[in-house]
Amino acid sequence: MPEWLLAPWPWYVAGPLIGLTVPALLLFGRKVFGISSTFQHLCAAALPRRFPYLDYDWRAKRWQLALAAGMVIGGWIAMGPLTAAREYEIAISEATRADLTALGVTDFSGLVPRQWISWEGLGTLPGLVMIVAGGFLVGFGARWADGCTSGHAITGLANLQLPSLIATLGFFAGGLVAARVLLPLLLGSAP
C-alpha cells in the first residue's frame, strides 16, 4: 500500500473531497448525503411493520446502509490491520495540550484519550458518561434535529436550508458548552 494513502491526509485535501461528495451524490445518484437515519433503516428492516415509525419502504434507502457499512469497513481498515503497527501523534496546539493535561489527559497517542474512551475506561464514571450517555445523546439529538452534524453542516448548508443553519449553530454552541463547562466538570471527578 502506498505510504501517502496510509498517512493522515491534511485538511485541505480531505475537506474538499468530503465536500465534493454532496454534489456527486446529487448529480449522479439524485441522493442526499446523510448518515444519522441509517439506524432507523436498520430497525425498519429488522422490525418490519411493528411500529408506525418504522413502517416505510426501507429498501429505497439501501444505498445508505451500504454507505454506512463502507464507513465501518473503511474505518476498520484505516485503524486496523493496515496501520496496526503505526502510532500517530495527533497534531494539537501546545495550549490545547496544556488544557487537556490540566483535565487529566495523559495519553496523546490516539484520536481520543484512551484512559476514558476504551473498554477499560468504560468502567470509570467519565468513560461511562462519555461513551454511553454521550452516544445516546448524540443519537437522540441527531434524530430530533432531523439530521446529524455532517448532514446539516455539509448537505443542508450546501442546499441553503435555514433549519440546517440553525441546527449547525446549535451544534457549535453545544460543543462549546460541552468542552468549556461539562467536560471540566466531568473530568474533575476523574481518577
N, C-alpha and C. Protein backbone atom coordinates (compact mmCIF):
# COMPACT_ATOMS: atom_id res chain seq x y z
N MET A 1 0.86 -1.18 0.00
CA MET A 1 0.00 0.00 0.00
C MET A 1 0.90 1.24 0.00
N PRO A 2 0.61 2.23 -0.84
CA PRO A 2 1.44 3.44 -0.88
C PRO A 2 1.43 4.20 0.44
N GLU A 3 2.58 4.74 0.81
CA GLU A 3 2.73 5.45 2.09
C GLU A 3 1.77 6.64 2.18
N TRP A 4 1.57 7.38 1.08
CA TRP A 4 0.70 8.56 1.11
C TRP A 4 -0.75 8.19 1.40
N LEU A 5 -1.14 6.97 1.08
CA LEU A 5 -2.50 6.53 1.33
C LEU A 5 -2.70 6.16 2.80
N LEU A 6 -1.65 5.67 3.44
CA LEU A 6 -1.75 5.25 4.83
C LEU A 6 -1.57 6.39 5.82
N ALA A 7 -0.88 7.44 5.42
CA ALA A 7 -0.62 8.57 6.32
C ALA A 7 -1.88 9.43 6.44
N PRO A 8 -2.03 10.15 7.57
CA PRO A 8 -3.17 11.07 7.70
C PRO A 8 -3.12 12.14 6.60
N TRP A 9 -4.26 12.42 6.02
CA TRP A 9 -4.34 13.41 4.96
C TRP A 9 -4.58 14.78 5.57
N PRO A 10 -4.01 15.83 5.00
CA PRO A 10 -4.24 17.17 5.53
C PRO A 10 -5.68 17.62 5.27
N TRP A 11 -6.12 18.55 6.10
CA TRP A 11 -7.50 19.04 6.00
C TRP A 11 -7.81 19.61 4.63
N TYR A 12 -6.84 20.26 3.99
CA TYR A 12 -7.10 20.91 2.71
C TYR A 12 -7.23 19.92 1.56
N VAL A 13 -6.94 18.64 1.80
CA VAL A 13 -7.20 17.59 0.81
C VAL A 13 -8.49 16.85 1.19
N ALA A 14 -8.57 16.40 2.44
CA ALA A 14 -9.72 15.61 2.88
C ALA A 14 -11.01 16.43 2.87
N GLY A 15 -10.94 17.69 3.31
CA GLY A 15 -12.15 18.53 3.37
C GLY A 15 -12.82 18.72 2.02
N PRO A 16 -12.09 19.16 0.99
CA PRO A 16 -12.72 19.29 -0.32
C PRO A 16 -13.24 17.97 -0.88
N LEU A 17 -12.55 16.86 -0.60
CA LEU A 17 -13.05 15.57 -1.08
C LEU A 17 -14.38 15.22 -0.43
N ILE A 18 -14.48 15.50 0.87
CA ILE A 18 -15.77 15.28 1.55
C ILE A 18 -16.83 16.21 0.97
N GLY A 19 -16.44 17.48 0.77
CA GLY A 19 -17.38 18.46 0.21
C GLY A 19 -17.87 18.09 -1.18
N LEU A 20 -17.02 17.49 -1.99
CA LEU A 20 -17.41 17.09 -3.35
C LEU A 20 -18.33 15.87 -3.36
N THR A 21 -18.41 15.17 -2.25
CA THR A 21 -19.30 14.03 -2.15
C THR A 21 -20.77 14.45 -2.30
N VAL A 22 -21.11 15.58 -1.72
CA VAL A 22 -22.51 16.06 -1.75
C VAL A 22 -22.99 16.31 -3.18
N PRO A 23 -22.31 17.14 -3.97
CA PRO A 23 -22.80 17.34 -5.33
C PRO A 23 -22.69 16.09 -6.20
N ALA A 24 -21.69 15.24 -5.93
CA ALA A 24 -21.58 14.00 -6.71
C ALA A 24 -22.79 13.10 -6.47
N LEU A 25 -23.19 12.96 -5.21
CA LEU A 25 -24.39 12.16 -4.91
C LEU A 25 -25.63 12.75 -5.55
N LEU A 26 -25.75 14.08 -5.50
CA LEU A 26 -26.92 14.74 -6.09
C LEU A 26 -26.93 14.61 -7.62
N LEU A 27 -25.78 14.85 -8.23
CA LEU A 27 -25.71 14.83 -9.70
C LEU A 27 -25.83 13.42 -10.29
N PHE A 28 -25.14 12.47 -9.70
CA PHE A 28 -25.07 11.15 -10.31
C PHE A 28 -26.09 10.15 -9.75
N GLY A 29 -26.56 10.38 -8.53
CA GLY A 29 -27.49 9.41 -7.95
C GLY A 29 -28.80 9.99 -7.47
N ARG A 30 -28.93 11.34 -7.56
CA ARG A 30 -30.12 12.02 -7.04
C ARG A 30 -30.40 11.62 -5.60
N LYS A 31 -29.32 11.58 -4.80
CA LYS A 31 -29.42 11.19 -3.40
C LYS A 31 -28.84 12.31 -2.54
N VAL A 32 -29.37 12.43 -1.32
CA VAL A 32 -28.92 13.43 -0.37
C VAL A 32 -28.05 12.73 0.67
N PHE A 33 -26.83 13.27 0.87
CA PHE A 33 -25.90 12.68 1.83
C PHE A 33 -26.40 12.86 3.25
N GLY A 34 -26.36 11.80 4.02
CA GLY A 34 -26.71 11.82 5.43
C GLY A 34 -26.51 10.43 5.99
N ILE A 35 -26.19 10.35 7.26
CA ILE A 35 -25.89 9.04 7.83
C ILE A 35 -26.71 8.74 9.07
N SER A 36 -27.24 9.75 9.74
CA SER A 36 -27.89 9.52 11.03
C SER A 36 -29.17 8.71 10.93
N SER A 37 -29.81 8.66 9.79
CA SER A 37 -31.05 7.88 9.66
C SER A 37 -30.79 6.41 9.37
N THR A 38 -29.53 6.02 9.24
CA THR A 38 -29.21 4.63 8.91
C THR A 38 -29.70 3.67 9.98
N PHE A 39 -29.57 4.04 11.25
CA PHE A 39 -30.03 3.16 12.33
C PHE A 39 -31.54 2.94 12.23
N GLN A 40 -32.27 3.98 11.85
CA GLN A 40 -33.71 3.86 11.65
C GLN A 40 -34.00 2.86 10.54
N HIS A 41 -33.24 2.91 9.45
CA HIS A 41 -33.43 1.97 8.34
C HIS A 41 -33.12 0.53 8.78
N LEU A 42 -32.08 0.37 9.59
CA LEU A 42 -31.76 -0.96 10.11
C LEU A 42 -32.89 -1.50 10.97
N CYS A 43 -33.45 -0.64 11.84
CA CYS A 43 -34.57 -1.06 12.68
C CYS A 43 -35.80 -1.38 11.83
N ALA A 44 -36.05 -0.59 10.79
CA ALA A 44 -37.19 -0.86 9.91
C ALA A 44 -37.02 -2.19 9.19
N ALA A 45 -35.78 -2.53 8.85
CA ALA A 45 -35.53 -3.82 8.19
C ALA A 45 -35.70 -4.98 9.17
N ALA A 46 -35.26 -4.77 10.41
CA ALA A 46 -35.30 -5.85 11.40
C ALA A 46 -36.68 -6.02 12.04
N LEU A 47 -37.43 -4.94 12.16
CA LEU A 47 -38.74 -4.97 12.82
C LEU A 47 -39.82 -4.46 11.88
N PRO A 48 -40.01 -5.10 10.74
CA PRO A 48 -40.95 -4.55 9.76
C PRO A 48 -42.39 -4.48 10.29
N ARG A 49 -42.96 -3.30 10.13
CA ARG A 49 -44.37 -3.03 10.42
C ARG A 49 -44.80 -3.25 11.86
N ARG A 50 -43.86 -3.33 12.79
CA ARG A 50 -44.24 -3.48 14.19
C ARG A 50 -44.53 -2.13 14.85
N PHE A 51 -43.91 -1.08 14.33
CA PHE A 51 -44.09 0.25 14.87
C PHE A 51 -44.39 1.21 13.73
N PRO A 52 -45.34 2.09 13.90
CA PRO A 52 -45.68 3.02 12.82
C PRO A 52 -44.48 3.84 12.33
N TYR A 53 -43.58 4.21 13.24
CA TYR A 53 -42.40 5.00 12.87
C TYR A 53 -41.50 4.24 11.91
N LEU A 54 -41.53 2.91 11.97
CA LEU A 54 -40.67 2.08 11.14
C LEU A 54 -41.41 1.46 9.95
N ASP A 55 -42.65 1.86 9.74
CA ASP A 55 -43.46 1.30 8.66
C ASP A 55 -43.30 2.15 7.40
N TYR A 56 -42.23 1.89 6.67
CA TYR A 56 -41.97 2.58 5.41
C TYR A 56 -41.08 1.66 4.57
N ASP A 57 -40.86 2.05 3.33
CA ASP A 57 -40.06 1.23 2.42
C ASP A 57 -38.57 1.51 2.65
N TRP A 58 -37.97 0.80 3.59
CA TRP A 58 -36.56 0.99 3.90
C TRP A 58 -35.65 0.53 2.76
N ARG A 59 -36.16 -0.33 1.88
CA ARG A 59 -35.35 -0.83 0.76
C ARG A 59 -34.92 0.30 -0.19
N ALA A 60 -35.71 1.36 -0.21
CA ALA A 60 -35.34 2.51 -1.05
C ALA A 60 -34.10 3.22 -0.51
N LYS A 61 -33.74 2.93 0.72
CA LYS A 61 -32.59 3.56 1.36
C LYS A 61 -31.43 2.57 1.52
N ARG A 62 -31.42 1.50 0.74
CA ARG A 62 -30.34 0.50 0.84
C ARG A 62 -28.98 1.13 0.59
N TRP A 63 -28.92 2.12 -0.27
CA TRP A 63 -27.65 2.76 -0.55
C TRP A 63 -27.05 3.38 0.71
N GLN A 64 -27.91 3.90 1.61
CA GLN A 64 -27.40 4.47 2.87
C GLN A 64 -26.84 3.37 3.77
N LEU A 65 -27.49 2.22 3.75
CA LEU A 65 -26.97 1.09 4.53
C LEU A 65 -25.61 0.65 3.99
N ALA A 66 -25.48 0.64 2.66
CA ALA A 66 -24.19 0.29 2.05
C ALA A 66 -23.14 1.35 2.39
N LEU A 67 -23.52 2.62 2.38
CA LEU A 67 -22.61 3.70 2.73
C LEU A 67 -22.12 3.54 4.17
N ALA A 68 -23.05 3.27 5.09
CA ALA A 68 -22.67 3.09 6.50
C ALA A 68 -21.77 1.88 6.67
N ALA A 69 -22.08 0.79 5.98
CA ALA A 69 -21.22 -0.40 6.06
C ALA A 69 -19.83 -0.09 5.52
N GLY A 70 -19.76 0.66 4.43
CA GLY A 70 -18.47 1.06 3.87
C GLY A 70 -17.69 1.94 4.83
N MET A 71 -18.37 2.81 5.57
CA MET A 71 -17.69 3.66 6.54
C MET A 71 -17.11 2.82 7.68
N VAL A 72 -17.87 1.85 8.14
CA VAL A 72 -17.38 0.97 9.21
C VAL A 72 -16.20 0.14 8.72
N ILE A 73 -16.33 -0.45 7.55
CA ILE A 73 -15.25 -1.28 7.00
C ILE A 73 -14.02 -0.42 6.70
N GLY A 74 -14.23 0.76 6.13
CA GLY A 74 -13.12 1.66 5.85
C GLY A 74 -12.41 2.11 7.12
N GLY A 75 -13.18 2.41 8.16
CA GLY A 75 -12.58 2.78 9.44
C GLY A 75 -11.79 1.64 10.04
N TRP A 76 -12.32 0.43 9.93
CA TRP A 76 -11.62 -0.74 10.44
C TRP A 76 -10.31 -0.95 9.69
N ILE A 77 -10.34 -0.79 8.38
CA ILE A 77 -9.12 -0.93 7.59
C ILE A 77 -8.13 0.17 7.95
N ALA A 78 -8.63 1.40 8.06
CA ALA A 78 -7.74 2.54 8.33
C ALA A 78 -7.09 2.45 9.70
N MET A 79 -7.81 1.98 10.68
CA MET A 79 -7.27 1.91 12.04
C MET A 79 -6.89 0.50 12.44
N GLY A 80 -7.12 -0.45 11.57
CA GLY A 80 -6.89 -1.84 11.92
C GLY A 80 -5.65 -2.45 11.34
N PRO A 81 -5.82 -3.47 10.54
CA PRO A 81 -4.67 -4.28 10.12
C PRO A 81 -3.61 -3.54 9.31
N LEU A 82 -3.99 -2.56 8.51
CA LEU A 82 -3.00 -1.87 7.69
C LEU A 82 -2.15 -0.90 8.49
N THR A 83 -2.68 -0.39 9.58
CA THR A 83 -1.95 0.62 10.34
C THR A 83 -1.73 0.22 11.79
N ALA A 84 -1.88 -1.08 12.10
CA ALA A 84 -1.78 -1.54 13.49
C ALA A 84 -0.44 -1.20 14.12
N ALA A 85 0.62 -1.28 13.39
CA ALA A 85 1.95 -1.03 13.94
C ALA A 85 2.27 0.46 14.01
N ARG A 86 1.43 1.31 13.44
CA ARG A 86 1.71 2.74 13.41
C ARG A 86 1.05 3.44 14.59
N GLU A 87 1.74 4.39 15.13
CA GLU A 87 1.18 5.27 16.15
C GLU A 87 1.32 6.70 15.64
N TYR A 88 0.22 7.41 15.54
CA TYR A 88 0.26 8.78 15.07
C TYR A 88 0.04 9.72 16.25
N GLU A 89 0.90 10.67 16.36
CA GLU A 89 0.71 11.72 17.35
C GLU A 89 -0.23 12.74 16.72
N ILE A 90 -1.35 13.00 17.36
CA ILE A 90 -2.31 13.95 16.83
C ILE A 90 -1.75 15.36 17.00
N ALA A 91 -1.77 16.12 15.94
CA ALA A 91 -1.22 17.48 15.97
C ALA A 91 -2.22 18.42 16.61
N ILE A 92 -1.96 18.79 17.85
CA ILE A 92 -2.78 19.78 18.55
C ILE A 92 -1.85 20.84 19.11
N SER A 93 -2.39 22.01 19.32
CA SER A 93 -1.56 23.12 19.81
C SER A 93 -1.09 22.86 21.23
N GLU A 94 -0.02 23.53 21.61
CA GLU A 94 0.51 23.38 22.97
C GLU A 94 -0.49 23.88 24.00
N ALA A 95 -1.25 24.92 23.66
CA ALA A 95 -2.26 25.43 24.60
C ALA A 95 -3.35 24.39 24.84
N THR A 96 -3.78 23.72 23.77
CA THR A 96 -4.79 22.67 23.93
C THR A 96 -4.23 21.50 24.71
N ARG A 97 -3.00 21.13 24.43
CA ARG A 97 -2.34 20.04 25.17
C ARG A 97 -2.27 20.38 26.66
N ALA A 98 -1.93 21.63 26.97
CA ALA A 98 -1.85 22.06 28.38
C ALA A 98 -3.23 22.01 29.04
N ASP A 99 -4.26 22.47 28.31
CA ASP A 99 -5.63 22.42 28.86
C ASP A 99 -6.05 20.98 29.13
N LEU A 100 -5.78 20.09 28.19
CA LEU A 100 -6.15 18.68 28.37
C LEU A 100 -5.35 18.02 29.49
N THR A 101 -4.08 18.38 29.61
CA THR A 101 -3.26 17.84 30.70
C THR A 101 -3.81 18.29 32.04
N ALA A 102 -4.26 19.55 32.12
CA ALA A 102 -4.87 20.05 33.36
C ALA A 102 -6.14 19.30 33.71
N LEU A 103 -6.82 18.76 32.70
CA LEU A 103 -8.04 17.98 32.93
C LEU A 103 -7.73 16.51 33.23
N GLY A 104 -6.45 16.13 33.15
CA GLY A 104 -6.09 14.75 33.48
C GLY A 104 -5.77 13.86 32.30
N VAL A 105 -5.76 14.39 31.09
CA VAL A 105 -5.42 13.59 29.93
C VAL A 105 -3.90 13.41 29.91
N THR A 106 -3.46 12.16 29.84
CA THR A 106 -2.02 11.88 29.86
C THR A 106 -1.54 11.20 28.59
N ASP A 107 -2.42 10.60 27.81
CA ASP A 107 -2.03 9.85 26.62
C ASP A 107 -2.53 10.59 25.38
N PHE A 108 -1.61 11.11 24.59
CA PHE A 108 -1.95 11.86 23.38
C PHE A 108 -1.63 11.07 22.12
N SER A 109 -1.54 9.75 22.22
CA SER A 109 -1.10 8.95 21.08
C SER A 109 -2.24 8.54 20.14
N GLY A 110 -3.48 8.71 20.52
CA GLY A 110 -4.58 8.31 19.65
C GLY A 110 -5.49 9.47 19.31
N LEU A 111 -6.60 9.14 18.68
CA LEU A 111 -7.57 10.18 18.32
C LEU A 111 -8.35 10.68 19.51
N VAL A 112 -8.54 9.82 20.51
CA VAL A 112 -9.28 10.18 21.72
C VAL A 112 -8.49 9.69 22.93
N PRO A 113 -8.72 10.28 24.10
CA PRO A 113 -8.00 9.82 25.30
C PRO A 113 -8.38 8.37 25.64
N ARG A 114 -7.43 7.47 25.51
CA ARG A 114 -7.70 6.05 25.75
C ARG A 114 -8.03 5.74 27.20
N GLN A 115 -7.64 6.63 28.11
CA GLN A 115 -7.93 6.35 29.51
C GLN A 115 -9.43 6.43 29.80
N TRP A 116 -10.22 7.09 28.95
CA TRP A 116 -11.67 7.15 29.14
C TRP A 116 -12.43 6.52 27.99
N ILE A 117 -11.95 6.66 26.77
CA ILE A 117 -12.65 6.13 25.61
C ILE A 117 -11.98 4.80 25.22
N SER A 118 -12.28 3.77 25.98
CA SER A 118 -11.74 2.43 25.77
C SER A 118 -12.59 1.46 26.59
N TRP A 119 -12.34 0.17 26.41
CA TRP A 119 -13.08 -0.82 27.21
C TRP A 119 -12.74 -0.67 28.68
N GLU A 120 -11.47 -0.39 28.99
CA GLU A 120 -11.08 -0.18 30.38
C GLU A 120 -11.71 1.10 30.93
N GLY A 121 -11.71 2.13 30.11
CA GLY A 121 -12.27 3.41 30.53
C GLY A 121 -13.77 3.37 30.75
N LEU A 122 -14.43 2.41 30.13
CA LEU A 122 -15.89 2.27 30.28
C LEU A 122 -16.27 2.00 31.73
N GLY A 123 -15.33 1.43 32.49
CA GLY A 123 -15.60 1.14 33.90
C GLY A 123 -15.44 2.35 34.81
N THR A 124 -15.02 3.49 34.27
CA THR A 124 -14.89 4.70 35.08
C THR A 124 -16.10 5.59 34.84
N LEU A 125 -16.37 6.48 35.78
CA LEU A 125 -17.51 7.40 35.62
C LEU A 125 -17.35 8.28 34.39
N PRO A 126 -16.18 8.92 34.18
CA PRO A 126 -16.05 9.74 32.96
C PRO A 126 -16.22 8.92 31.68
N GLY A 127 -15.65 7.73 31.65
CA GLY A 127 -15.77 6.88 30.46
C GLY A 127 -17.21 6.47 30.21
N LEU A 128 -17.91 6.08 31.27
CA LEU A 128 -19.32 5.67 31.14
C LEU A 128 -20.17 6.82 30.63
N VAL A 129 -19.97 8.00 31.19
CA VAL A 129 -20.76 9.16 30.76
C VAL A 129 -20.44 9.53 29.31
N MET A 130 -19.14 9.56 28.97
CA MET A 130 -18.77 9.97 27.62
C MET A 130 -19.19 8.96 26.57
N ILE A 131 -19.03 7.67 26.84
CA ILE A 131 -19.33 6.66 25.83
C ILE A 131 -20.83 6.36 25.77
N VAL A 132 -21.43 6.02 26.89
CA VAL A 132 -22.83 5.57 26.88
C VAL A 132 -23.80 6.76 26.83
N ALA A 133 -23.71 7.65 27.81
CA ALA A 133 -24.64 8.79 27.84
C ALA A 133 -24.40 9.70 26.64
N GLY A 134 -23.13 9.97 26.33
CA GLY A 134 -22.81 10.82 25.19
C GLY A 134 -23.29 10.22 23.88
N GLY A 135 -23.09 8.92 23.72
CA GLY A 135 -23.55 8.25 22.50
C GLY A 135 -25.06 8.31 22.36
N PHE A 136 -25.77 8.09 23.46
CA PHE A 136 -27.23 8.18 23.42
C PHE A 136 -27.69 9.59 23.05
N LEU A 137 -27.09 10.59 23.69
CA LEU A 137 -27.49 11.98 23.42
C LEU A 137 -27.19 12.39 21.99
N VAL A 138 -26.06 11.95 21.45
CA VAL A 138 -25.73 12.27 20.06
C VAL A 138 -26.76 11.64 19.12
N GLY A 139 -27.08 10.37 19.35
CA GLY A 139 -28.08 9.70 18.51
C GLY A 139 -29.46 10.31 18.63
N PHE A 140 -29.88 10.58 19.87
CA PHE A 140 -31.19 11.19 20.10
C PHE A 140 -31.24 12.58 19.48
N GLY A 141 -30.20 13.37 19.70
CA GLY A 141 -30.18 14.73 19.14
C GLY A 141 -30.18 14.75 17.63
N ALA A 142 -29.48 13.80 17.02
CA ALA A 142 -29.44 13.75 15.56
C ALA A 142 -30.82 13.44 14.99
N ARG A 143 -31.55 12.56 15.62
CA ARG A 143 -32.89 12.25 15.11
C ARG A 143 -33.85 13.40 15.41
N TRP A 144 -33.71 14.04 16.57
CA TRP A 144 -34.59 15.15 16.93
C TRP A 144 -34.36 16.34 16.00
N ALA A 145 -33.10 16.57 15.65
CA ALA A 145 -32.77 17.68 14.74
C ALA A 145 -32.99 17.28 13.28
N ASP A 146 -33.45 16.07 13.05
CA ASP A 146 -33.70 15.54 11.70
C ASP A 146 -32.41 15.54 10.87
N GLY A 147 -31.31 15.18 11.53
CA GLY A 147 -30.04 15.07 10.84
C GLY A 147 -28.88 15.28 11.78
N CYS A 148 -27.74 14.77 11.39
CA CYS A 148 -26.54 14.88 12.22
C CYS A 148 -25.72 16.10 11.79
N THR A 149 -24.60 16.27 12.44
CA THR A 149 -23.75 17.43 12.13
C THR A 149 -23.33 17.44 10.67
N SER A 150 -22.92 16.30 10.15
CA SER A 150 -22.48 16.28 8.75
C SER A 150 -23.65 16.48 7.81
N GLY A 151 -24.79 15.92 8.12
CA GLY A 151 -25.95 16.10 7.25
C GLY A 151 -26.38 17.55 7.16
N HIS A 152 -26.44 18.22 8.32
CA HIS A 152 -26.84 19.63 8.31
C HIS A 152 -25.73 20.54 7.82
N ALA A 153 -24.51 20.36 8.36
CA ALA A 153 -23.43 21.29 8.06
C ALA A 153 -22.89 21.13 6.64
N ILE A 154 -22.95 19.94 6.10
CA ILE A 154 -22.44 19.75 4.73
C ILE A 154 -23.58 19.83 3.72
N THR A 155 -24.56 18.97 3.86
CA THR A 155 -25.64 18.92 2.87
C THR A 155 -26.63 20.07 3.04
N GLY A 156 -27.11 20.28 4.26
CA GLY A 156 -28.13 21.30 4.49
C GLY A 156 -27.66 22.70 4.15
N LEU A 157 -26.44 23.05 4.60
CA LEU A 157 -25.91 24.37 4.27
C LEU A 157 -25.64 24.52 2.79
N ALA A 158 -25.19 23.43 2.15
CA ALA A 158 -24.96 23.49 0.70
C ALA A 158 -26.27 23.73 -0.05
N ASN A 159 -27.39 23.29 0.52
CA ASN A 159 -28.70 23.50 -0.09
C ASN A 159 -29.37 24.77 0.41
N LEU A 160 -28.63 25.59 1.19
CA LEU A 160 -29.12 26.86 1.73
C LEU A 160 -30.39 26.70 2.57
N GLN A 161 -30.42 25.68 3.40
CA GLN A 161 -31.57 25.40 4.26
C GLN A 161 -31.42 26.14 5.59
N LEU A 162 -32.37 27.00 5.93
CA LEU A 162 -32.35 27.73 7.19
C LEU A 162 -32.35 26.79 8.40
N PRO A 163 -33.17 25.72 8.42
CA PRO A 163 -33.12 24.81 9.57
C PRO A 163 -31.73 24.20 9.77
N SER A 164 -30.99 23.97 8.69
CA SER A 164 -29.64 23.43 8.82
C SER A 164 -28.69 24.46 9.40
N LEU A 165 -28.86 25.71 9.06
CA LEU A 165 -28.04 26.76 9.65
C LEU A 165 -28.31 26.84 11.15
N ILE A 166 -29.59 26.80 11.54
CA ILE A 166 -29.95 26.85 12.95
C ILE A 166 -29.40 25.63 13.69
N ALA A 167 -29.54 24.45 13.08
CA ALA A 167 -29.02 23.22 13.71
C ALA A 167 -27.50 23.29 13.83
N THR A 168 -26.80 23.77 12.82
CA THR A 168 -25.34 23.85 12.85
C THR A 168 -24.88 24.82 13.93
N LEU A 169 -25.55 25.96 14.05
CA LEU A 169 -25.22 26.90 15.12
C LEU A 169 -25.46 26.26 16.49
N GLY A 170 -26.53 25.47 16.61
CA GLY A 170 -26.80 24.75 17.85
C GLY A 170 -25.73 23.71 18.15
N PHE A 171 -25.26 23.00 17.12
CA PHE A 171 -24.20 22.01 17.32
C PHE A 171 -22.94 22.69 17.86
N PHE A 172 -22.57 23.83 17.25
CA PHE A 172 -21.37 24.54 17.70
C PHE A 172 -21.54 25.07 19.12
N ALA A 173 -22.71 25.62 19.42
CA ALA A 173 -22.95 26.13 20.77
C ALA A 173 -22.90 24.99 21.79
N GLY A 174 -23.52 23.87 21.46
CA GLY A 174 -23.48 22.71 22.35
C GLY A 174 -22.07 22.19 22.54
N GLY A 175 -21.28 22.19 21.47
CA GLY A 175 -19.89 21.75 21.57
C GLY A 175 -19.07 22.66 22.47
N LEU A 176 -19.30 23.96 22.37
CA LEU A 176 -18.59 24.90 23.23
C LEU A 176 -18.97 24.70 24.69
N VAL A 177 -20.26 24.53 24.97
CA VAL A 177 -20.70 24.30 26.35
C VAL A 177 -20.12 22.99 26.87
N ALA A 178 -20.14 21.96 26.05
CA ALA A 178 -19.60 20.67 26.47
C ALA A 178 -18.10 20.76 26.75
N ALA A 179 -17.37 21.43 25.87
CA ALA A 179 -15.91 21.50 26.03
C ALA A 179 -15.49 22.42 27.16
N ARG A 180 -16.20 23.52 27.34
CA ARG A 180 -15.77 24.52 28.33
C ARG A 180 -16.42 24.35 29.70
N VAL A 181 -17.59 23.70 29.77
CA VAL A 181 -18.30 23.58 31.05
C VAL A 181 -18.43 22.12 31.48
N LEU A 182 -19.05 21.30 30.65
CA LEU A 182 -19.35 19.92 31.06
C LEU A 182 -18.11 19.04 31.18
N LEU A 183 -17.20 19.11 30.21
CA LEU A 183 -16.01 18.26 30.24
C LEU A 183 -15.14 18.55 31.46
N PRO A 184 -14.86 19.82 31.79
CA PRO A 184 -14.09 20.05 33.03
C PRO A 184 -14.80 19.54 34.28
N LEU A 185 -16.12 19.68 34.33
CA LEU A 185 -16.86 19.15 35.49
C LEU A 185 -16.75 17.64 35.56
N LEU A 186 -16.92 16.99 34.43
CA LEU A 186 -16.87 15.52 34.38
C LEU A 186 -15.47 15.01 34.68
N LEU A 187 -14.46 15.59 34.07
CA LEU A 187 -13.11 15.10 34.26
C LEU A 187 -12.52 15.54 35.60
N GLY A 188 -13.16 16.49 36.24
CA GLY A 188 -12.75 16.86 37.60
C GLY A 188 -12.94 15.71 38.56
N SER A 189 -13.85 14.77 38.20
CA SER A 189 -14.09 13.59 39.04
C SER A 189 -13.29 12.40 38.56
N ALA A 190 -12.37 12.63 37.57
CA ALA A 190 -11.60 11.52 37.01
C ALA A 190 -10.57 11.02 38.02
N PRO A 191 -10.18 9.74 37.88
CA PRO A 191 -9.20 9.17 38.82
C PRO A 191 -7.82 9.77 38.62
